[in-house]
C-alpha atoms as a PDB file:
ATOM      1  CA  MET A   1     -18.861 -10.272 -14.112  1.00  0.00           C
ATOM      2  CA  HIS A   2     -16.786 -13.406 -14.151  1.00  0.00           C
ATOM      3  CA  ARG A   3     -18.503 -16.460 -12.696  1.00  0.00           C
ATOM      4  CA  TRP A   4     -15.541 -17.241 -10.434  1.00  0.00           C
ATOM      5  CA  LEU A   5     -15.734 -13.786  -8.877  1.00  0.00           C
ATOM      6  CA  ALA A   6     -19.437 -14.147  -8.123  1.00  0.00           C
ATOM      7  CA  THR A   7     -18.796 -17.579  -6.591  1.00  0.00           C
ATOM      8  CA  ALA A   8     -15.989 -16.236  -4.416  1.00  0.00           C
ATOM      9  CA  VAL A   9     -18.118 -13.366  -3.159  1.00  0.00           C
ATOM     10  CA  ALA A  10     -21.011 -15.725  -2.417  1.00  0.00           C
ATOM     11  CA  GLY A  11     -18.671 -17.925  -0.391  1.00  0.00           C
ATOM     12  CA  LEU A  12     -17.452 -14.886   1.502  1.00  0.00           C
ATOM     13  CA  LEU A  13     -20.995 -13.851   2.407  1.00  0.00           C
ATOM     14  CA  VAL A  14     -21.812 -17.342   3.668  1.00  0.00           C
ATOM     15  CA  GLY A  15     -18.683 -17.237   5.799  1.00  0.00           C
ATOM     16  CA  LEU A  16     -19.723 -13.900   7.254  1.00  0.00           C
ATOM     17  CA  ALA A  17     -22.930 -15.486   8.535  1.00  0.00           C
ATOM     18  CA  ILE A  18     -21.042 -17.815  10.890  1.00  0.00           C
ATOM     19  CA  PRO A  19     -21.581 -16.432  14.407  1.00  0.00           C
ATOM     20  CA  ALA A  20     -18.577 -15.317  16.392  1.00  0.00           C
ATOM     21  CA  ALA A  21     -19.925 -17.519  19.203  1.00  0.00           C
ATOM     22  CA  ALA A  22     -18.828 -20.549  17.198  1.00  0.00           C
ATOM     23  CA  VAL A  23     -15.303 -19.872  18.502  1.00  0.00           C
ATOM     24  CA  ALA A  24     -14.788 -20.835  22.159  1.00  0.00           C
ATOM     25  CA  GLN A  25     -14.609 -17.600  24.125  1.00  0.00           C
ATOM     26  CA  PRO A  26     -16.155 -15.928  27.189  1.00  0.00           C
ATOM     27  CA  PRO A  27     -19.659 -14.409  26.790  1.00  0.00           C
ATOM     28  CA  ARG A  28     -19.601 -10.928  25.245  1.00  0.00           C
ATOM     29  CA  GLU A  29     -21.962  -7.972  25.244  1.00  0.00           C
ATOM     30  CA  PRO A  30     -24.689  -7.809  22.590  1.00  0.00           C
ATOM     31  CA  ILE A  31     -24.286  -5.818  19.379  1.00  0.00           C
ATOM     32  CA  SER A  32     -24.433  -2.018  19.769  1.00  0.00           C
ATOM     33  CA  PRO A  33     -27.873  -0.328  19.668  1.00  0.00           C
ATOM     34  CA  PHE A  34     -26.977   1.744  16.580  1.00  0.00           C
ATOM     35  CA  VAL A  35     -24.184   2.467  14.099  1.00  0.00           C
ATOM     36  CA  VAL A  36     -23.415   5.100  11.450  1.00  0.00           C
ATOM     37  CA  ASP A  37     -21.302   4.156   8.400  1.00  0.00           C
ATOM     38  CA  ALA A  38     -19.208   6.275   5.992  1.00  0.00           C
ATOM     39  CA  ARG A  39     -17.498   4.461   3.110  1.00  0.00           C
ATOM     40  CA  GLY A  40     -15.775   4.784  -0.202  1.00  0.00           C
ATOM     41  CA  ALA A  41     -17.461   2.724  -2.940  1.00  0.00           C
ATOM     42  CA  LEU A  42     -16.229   0.879  -6.031  1.00  0.00           C
ATOM     43  CA  PRO A  43     -19.017  -0.279  -8.406  1.00  0.00           C
ATOM     44  CA  PHE A  44     -18.597  -2.667 -11.343  1.00  0.00           C
ATOM     45  CA  LEU A  45     -20.882  -1.037 -13.922  1.00  0.00           C
ATOM     46  CA  GLY A  46     -20.080  -3.217 -16.941  1.00  0.00           C
ATOM     47  CA  GLN A  47     -19.959  -2.128 -20.583  1.00  0.00           C
ATOM     48  CA  SER A  48     -23.388  -2.953 -21.984  1.00  0.00           C
ATOM     49  CA  PRO A  49     -23.514  -3.269 -25.802  1.00  0.00           C
ATOM     50  CA  GLU A  50     -27.178  -2.234 -25.647  1.00  0.00           C
ATOM     51  CA  THR A  51     -26.353   0.992 -23.826  1.00  0.00           C
ATOM     52  CA  ALA A  52     -23.403   1.750 -26.092  1.00  0.00           C
ATOM     53  CA  ALA A  53     -25.439   1.164 -29.271  1.00  0.00           C
ATOM     54  CA  SER A  54     -28.217   3.510 -28.102  1.00  0.00           C
ATOM     55  CA  LEU A  55     -25.611   6.272 -27.676  1.00  0.00           C
ATOM     56  CA  GLY A  56     -23.819   5.493 -30.945  1.00  0.00           C
ATOM     57  CA  VAL A  57     -20.505   4.509 -29.355  1.00  0.00           C
ATOM     58  CA  ALA A  58     -18.490   1.317 -28.868  1.00  0.00           C
ATOM     59  CA  PRO A  59     -18.893  -0.607 -25.556  1.00  0.00           C
ATOM     60  CA  GLY A  60     -15.262   0.176 -24.731  1.00  0.00           C
ATOM     61  CA  SER A  61     -16.179   3.868 -24.535  1.00  0.00           C
ATOM     62  CA  LEU A  62     -18.208   3.212 -21.368  1.00  0.00           C
ATOM     63  CA  ALA A  63     -16.395   3.391 -18.033  1.00  0.00           C
ATOM     64  CA  SER A  64     -16.740  -0.095 -16.538  1.00  0.00           C
ATOM     65  CA  LYS A  65     -15.994   1.035 -12.984  1.00  0.00           C
ATOM     66  CA  GLY A  66     -16.417   4.164 -10.917  1.00  0.00           C
ATOM     67  CA  LEU A  67     -15.607   5.720  -7.575  1.00  0.00           C
ATOM     68  CA  GLY A  68     -18.072   7.091  -5.094  1.00  0.00           C
ATOM     69  CA  ILE A  69     -19.158   7.512  -1.518  1.00  0.00           C
ATOM     70  CA  GLY A  70     -21.802   5.922   0.644  1.00  0.00           C
ATOM     71  CA  ALA A  71     -23.340   6.436   4.073  1.00  0.00           C
ATOM     72  CA  GLY A  72     -25.724   4.505   6.276  1.00  0.00           C
ATOM     73  CA  VAL A  73     -27.569   4.612   9.581  1.00  0.00           C
ATOM     74  CA  HIS A  74     -28.689   1.397  11.281  1.00  0.00           C
ATOM     75  CA  VAL A  75     -30.461   0.647  14.548  1.00  0.00           C
ATOM     76  CA  TYR A  76     -30.895  -2.746  16.214  1.00  0.00           C
ATOM     77  CA  PRO A  77     -34.246  -2.957  18.033  1.00  0.00           C
ATOM     78  CA  ILE A  78     -33.902  -6.708  18.668  1.00  0.00           C
ATOM     79  CA  ARG A  79     -30.579  -7.625  20.280  1.00  0.00           C
ATOM     80  CA  ARG A  80     -29.645 -10.930  21.834  1.00  0.00           C
ATOM     81  CA  ARG A  81     -26.338 -12.459  22.852  1.00  0.00           C
ATOM     82  CA  GLY A  82     -24.642 -13.416  19.597  1.00  0.00           C
ATOM     83  CA  TRP A  83     -27.172 -11.948  17.149  1.00  0.00           C
ATOM     84  CA  ALA A  84     -29.435  -8.992  16.364  1.00  0.00           C
ATOM     85  CA  ILE A  85     -31.994  -7.793  13.817  1.00  0.00           C
ATOM     86  CA  GLY A  86     -31.413  -4.331  12.397  1.00  0.00           C
ATOM     87  CA  ILE A  87     -33.264  -1.772  10.295  1.00  0.00           C
ATOM     88  CA  GLY A  88     -31.780   1.256   8.591  1.00  0.00           C
ATOM     89  CA  ALA A  89     -31.154   3.285   5.468  1.00  0.00           C
ATOM     90  CA  GLU A  90     -28.211   3.601   3.083  1.00  0.00           C
ATOM     91  CA  TRP A  91     -27.251   6.244   0.529  1.00  0.00           C
ATOM     92  CA  LEU A  92     -24.863   5.748  -2.396  1.00  0.00           C
ATOM     93  CA  ARG A  93     -23.471   8.188  -4.977  1.00  0.00           C
ATOM     94  CA  VAL A  94     -21.084   7.172  -7.768  1.00  0.00           C
ATOM     95  CA  ARG A  95     -19.949   9.061 -10.884  1.00  0.00           C
ATOM     96  CA  SER A  96     -17.604   7.966 -13.666  1.00  0.00           C
ATOM     97  CA  SER A  97     -16.756   9.028 -17.206  1.00  0.00           C
ATOM     98  CA  ALA A  98     -14.638   8.087 -20.197  1.00  0.00           C
ATOM     99  CA  GLY A  99     -13.643  10.035 -23.294  1.00  0.00           C
ATOM    100  CA  ILE A 100     -14.254   8.606 -26.754  1.00  0.00           C
ATOM    101  CA  ALA A 101     -10.944   8.113 -28.536  1.00  0.00           C
ATOM    102  CA  ALA A 102     -10.443  10.150 -31.709  1.00  0.00           C
ATOM    103  CA  GLY A 103      -8.199   9.417 -34.662  1.00  0.00           C
ATOM    104  CA  GLU A 104      -5.056  11.403 -35.411  1.00  0.00           C
ATOM    105  CA  GLY A 105      -5.904  14.892 -36.605  1.00  0.00           C
ATOM    106  CA  GLU A 106      -9.547  14.532 -35.529  1.00  0.00           C
ATOM    107  CA  PRO A 107     -11.210  16.569 -32.768  1.00  0.00           C
ATOM    108  CA  ALA A 108     -11.562  14.867 -29.400  1.00  0.00           C
ATOM    109  CA  GLY A 109     -14.756  12.904 -29.050  1.00  0.00           C
ATOM    110  CA  PRO A 110     -17.427  13.586 -26.407  1.00  0.00           C
ATOM    111  CA  THR A 111     -17.202  12.302 -22.854  1.00  0.00           C
ATOM    112  CA  ILE A 112     -19.630   9.571 -21.859  1.00  0.00           C
ATOM    113  CA  ALA A 113     -20.708  10.038 -18.239  1.00  0.00           C
ATOM    114  CA  ARG A 114     -22.282   7.490 -15.917  1.00  0.00           C
ATOM    115  CA  ARG A 115     -23.947   7.690 -12.539  1.00  0.00           C
ATOM    116  CA  PHE A 116     -25.117   5.096 -10.046  1.00  0.00           C
ATOM    117  CA  GLU A 117     -26.849   6.604  -7.039  1.00  0.00           C
ATOM    118  CA  GLY A 118     -29.800   6.106  -4.772  1.00  0.00           C
ATOM    119  CA  LEU A 119     -31.277   5.635  -1.315  1.00  0.00           C
ATOM    120  CA  SER A 120     -32.589   2.380   0.118  1.00  0.00           C
ATOM    121  CA  GLY A 121     -34.154   1.019   3.284  1.00  0.00           C
ATOM    122  CA  GLN A 122     -32.391  -2.001   4.823  1.00  0.00           C
ATOM    123  CA  LEU A 123     -33.239  -5.032   6.943  1.00  0.00           C
ATOM    124  CA  SER A 124     -30.290  -6.966   8.379  1.00  0.00           C
ATOM    125  CA  LEU A 125     -29.493 -10.135  10.300  1.00  0.00           C
ATOM    126  CA  ASN A 126     -26.330  -9.640  12.365  1.00  0.00           C
ATOM    127  CA  PHE A 127     -24.001 -12.130  14.085  1.00  0.00           C
ATOM    128  CA  GLY A 128     -21.373 -11.347  16.697  1.00  0.00           C
ATOM    129  CA  HIS A 129     -20.922  -9.078  19.705  1.00  0.00           C
ATOM    130  CA  ARG A 130     -20.465  -5.425  20.650  1.00  0.00           C
ATOM    131  CA  ASN A 131     -16.880  -5.146  19.390  1.00  0.00           C
ATOM    132  CA  GLY A 132     -17.333  -6.924  16.080  1.00  0.00           C
ATOM    133  CA  TRP A 133     -20.093  -8.410  13.994  1.00  0.00           C
ATOM    134  CA  SER A 134     -20.917  -9.594  10.497  1.00  0.00           C
ATOM    135  CA  TYR A 135     -24.256  -9.248   8.731  1.00  0.00           C
ATOM    136  CA  LEU A 136     -26.427 -10.237   5.809  1.00  0.00           C
ATOM    137  CA  SER A 137     -28.891  -7.626   4.603  1.00  0.00           C
ATOM    138  CA  GLY A 138     -31.323  -6.695   1.875  1.00  0.00           C
ATOM    139  CA  GLY A 139     -33.346  -3.679   0.921  1.00  0.00           C
ATOM    140  CA  ALA A 140     -34.945  -1.596  -1.814  1.00  0.00           C
ATOM    141  CA  GLY A 141     -35.215   2.003  -2.880  1.00  0.00           C
ATOM    142  CA  PRO A 142     -35.101   4.443  -5.820  1.00  0.00           C
ATOM    143  CA  LEU A 143     -31.904   4.142  -7.855  1.00  0.00           C
ATOM    144  CA  ALA A 144     -30.556   6.098 -10.841  1.00  0.00           C
ATOM    145  CA  PHE A 145     -28.295   4.147 -13.199  1.00  0.00           C
ATOM    146  CA  ASP A 146     -27.710   6.357 -16.233  1.00  0.00           C
ATOM    147  CA  THR A 147     -25.231   6.688 -19.103  1.00  0.00           C
ATOM    148  CA  TRP A 148     -25.219   9.810 -21.282  1.00  0.00           C
ATOM    149  CA  ASN A 149     -23.215  12.242 -23.399  1.00  0.00           C
ATOM    150  CA  ASP A 150     -21.686  14.643 -20.874  1.00  0.00           C
ATOM    151  CA  ALA A 151     -22.659  17.644 -22.996  1.00  0.00           C
ATOM    152  CA  ASN A 152     -26.215  17.111 -21.719  1.00  0.00           C
ATOM    153  CA  SER A 153     -27.844  16.436 -18.344  1.00  0.00           C
ATOM    154  CA  PRO A 154     -29.653  13.220 -17.325  1.00  0.00           C
ATOM    155  CA  ASP A 155     -33.417  13.293 -16.778  1.00  0.00           C
ATOM    156  CA  GLY A 156     -33.277  12.166 -13.135  1.00  0.00           C
ATOM    157  CA  ALA A 157     -35.462   9.028 -13.475  1.00  0.00           C
ATOM    158  CA  ARG A 158     -35.092   6.602 -10.544  1.00  0.00           C
ATOM    159  CA  ALA A 159     -36.514   3.078 -10.554  1.00  0.00           C
ATOM    160  CA  MET A 160     -37.277   1.070  -7.410  1.00  0.00           C
ATOM    161  CA  THR A 161     -34.360  -1.387  -7.138  1.00  0.00           C
ATOM    162  CA  ILE A 162     -33.687  -4.371  -4.878  1.00  0.00           C
ATOM    163  CA  ASN A 163     -30.246  -4.868  -3.338  1.00  0.00           C
ATOM    164  CA  TYR A 164     -28.705  -7.548  -1.119  1.00  0.00           C
ATOM    165  CA  GLY A 165     -25.303  -8.404   0.325  1.00  0.00           C
ATOM    166  CA  GLY A 166     -23.279  -8.539   3.503  1.00  0.00           C
ATOM    167  CA  GLY A 167     -20.262  -7.238   5.355  1.00  0.00           C
ATOM    168  CA  ALA A 168     -18.631  -6.791   8.734  1.00  0.00           C
ATOM    169  CA  ARG A 169     -17.493  -4.193  11.276  1.00  0.00           C
ATOM    170  CA  TRP A 170     -14.584  -4.404  13.761  1.00  0.00           C
ATOM    171  CA  PHE A 171     -14.378  -1.914  16.640  1.00  0.00           C
ATOM    172  CA  THR A 172     -10.709  -1.411  17.470  1.00  0.00           C
ATOM    173  CA  ARG A 173     -11.599   1.692  19.519  1.00  0.00           C
ATOM    174  CA  PRO A 174     -14.566   2.254  21.845  1.00  0.00           C
ATOM    175  CA  ARG A 175     -16.591   4.163  19.238  1.00  0.00           C
ATOM    176  CA  LEU A 176     -14.728   3.703  15.944  1.00  0.00           C
ATOM    177  CA  ALA A 177     -14.670   0.655  13.667  1.00  0.00           C
ATOM    178  CA  ALA A 178     -13.319  -0.396  10.288  1.00  0.00           C
ATOM    179  CA  GLY A 179     -15.770  -2.140   7.990  1.00  0.00           C
ATOM    180  CA  PHE A 180     -16.599  -3.330   4.506  1.00  0.00           C
ATOM    181  CA  ASP A 181     -19.679  -4.232   2.487  1.00  0.00           C
ATOM    182  CA  VAL A 182     -20.252  -6.286  -0.685  1.00  0.00           C
ATOM    183  CA  ARG A 183     -23.633  -5.539  -2.292  1.00  0.00           C
ATOM    184  CA  PHE A 184     -25.506  -6.544  -5.440  1.00  0.00           C
ATOM    185  CA  TYR A 185     -28.099  -4.292  -7.099  1.00  0.00           C
ATOM    186  CA  ALA A 186     -30.658  -5.997  -9.352  1.00  0.00           C
ATOM    187  CA  THR A 187     -31.202  -3.075 -11.731  1.00  0.00           C
ATOM    188  CA  ARG A 188     -34.245  -2.941 -13.996  1.00  0.00           C
ATOM    189  CA  PRO A 189     -34.148  -2.361 -17.778  1.00  0.00           C
ATOM    190  CA  SER A 190     -34.910   1.098 -19.129  1.00  0.00           C
ATOM    191  CA  THR A 191     -35.703   2.545 -22.550  1.00  0.00           C
ATOM    192  CA  PRO A 192     -33.579   5.344 -24.031  1.00  0.00           C
ATOM    193  CA  THR A 193     -34.567   8.980 -23.661  1.00  0.00           C
ATOM    194  CA  ALA A 194     -33.401  12.021 -25.591  1.00  0.00           C
ATOM    195  CA  VAL A 195     -30.324  12.107 -23.347  1.00  0.00           C
ATOM    196  CA  VAL A 196     -29.869   8.820 -21.445  1.00  0.00           C
ATOM    197  CA  GLY A 197     -28.928   5.558 -23.164  1.00  0.00           C
ATOM    198  CA  ALA A 198     -30.970   2.350 -22.994  1.00  0.00           C
ATOM    199  CA  ARG A 199     -30.133  -0.358 -20.479  1.00  0.00           C
ATOM    200  CA  GLY A 200     -31.008  -4.010 -20.113  1.00  0.00           C
ATOM    201  CA  ARG A 201     -31.576  -5.863 -16.859  1.00  0.00           C
ATOM    202  CA  GLN A 202     -28.234  -5.930 -15.065  1.00  0.00           C
ATOM    203  CA  LYS A 203     -26.735  -7.007 -11.747  1.00  0.00           C
ATOM    204  CA  VAL A 204     -24.205  -4.487 -10.423  1.00  0.00           C
ATOM    205  CA  MET A 205     -21.744  -5.360  -7.665  1.00  0.00           C
ATOM    206  CA  VAL A 206     -20.535  -2.590  -5.343  1.00  0.00           C
ATOM    207  CA  ILE A 207     -17.638  -3.079  -2.918  1.00  0.00           C
ATOM    208  CA  SER A 208     -17.286  -0.448  -0.202  1.00  0.00           C
ATOM    209  CA  VAL A 209     -14.779   0.075   2.615  1.00  0.00           C
ATOM    210  CA  GLY A 210     -14.792   2.662   5.382  1.00  0.00           C
ATOM    211  CA  VAL A 211     -15.447   3.446   9.008  1.00  0.00           C
ATOM    212  CA  SER A 212     -18.343   3.126  11.443  1.00  0.00           C
ATOM    213  CA  VAL A 213     -19.153   5.047  14.625  1.00  0.00           C
ATOM    214  CA  ARG A 214     -21.588   4.283  17.441  1.00  0.00           C
END
């Protein structure tokens, strides 16, 4: 990940933490008691030389991005005017693949598949009011981050992984909102298996956009 991109995202998250009350406006209702999210997800998986070498391919043969879906449920047991503390759970599932290029007259190479999926508990600090709020959150849960030759099946190992990030929701209708989330997963290194390639310690950024209902 480019340093400028990480800096820009960090600045965005800091900006999200500024309460809506900082703008002169009449008092508004507290944040909703609960919310359910459904989003499309774009992860930046990278092209690890270590992973590629363990599978006997070039780093460029690894898909550096993917597409997936995510869902979350959050409740806010502590709600005050302008802020709230929330707890919840989020699920993420991403798959991607890339074919290994073959020379002219040679058979097509195998497909290298990747997955990034897991479930995590979340604790959030939220700023705003019933019709729109931003948040900073963190959590942990079992996560699978695997790369393998698609002719086989991964072993299903899932390591406990910390994640953190932030986002916002805007309710343009009484029960429906648009929202986004930027999240970083601090993945742990893993040794190769008979099917899955090795992986070093890696930070993966996932950007997701979707809708929320309450």
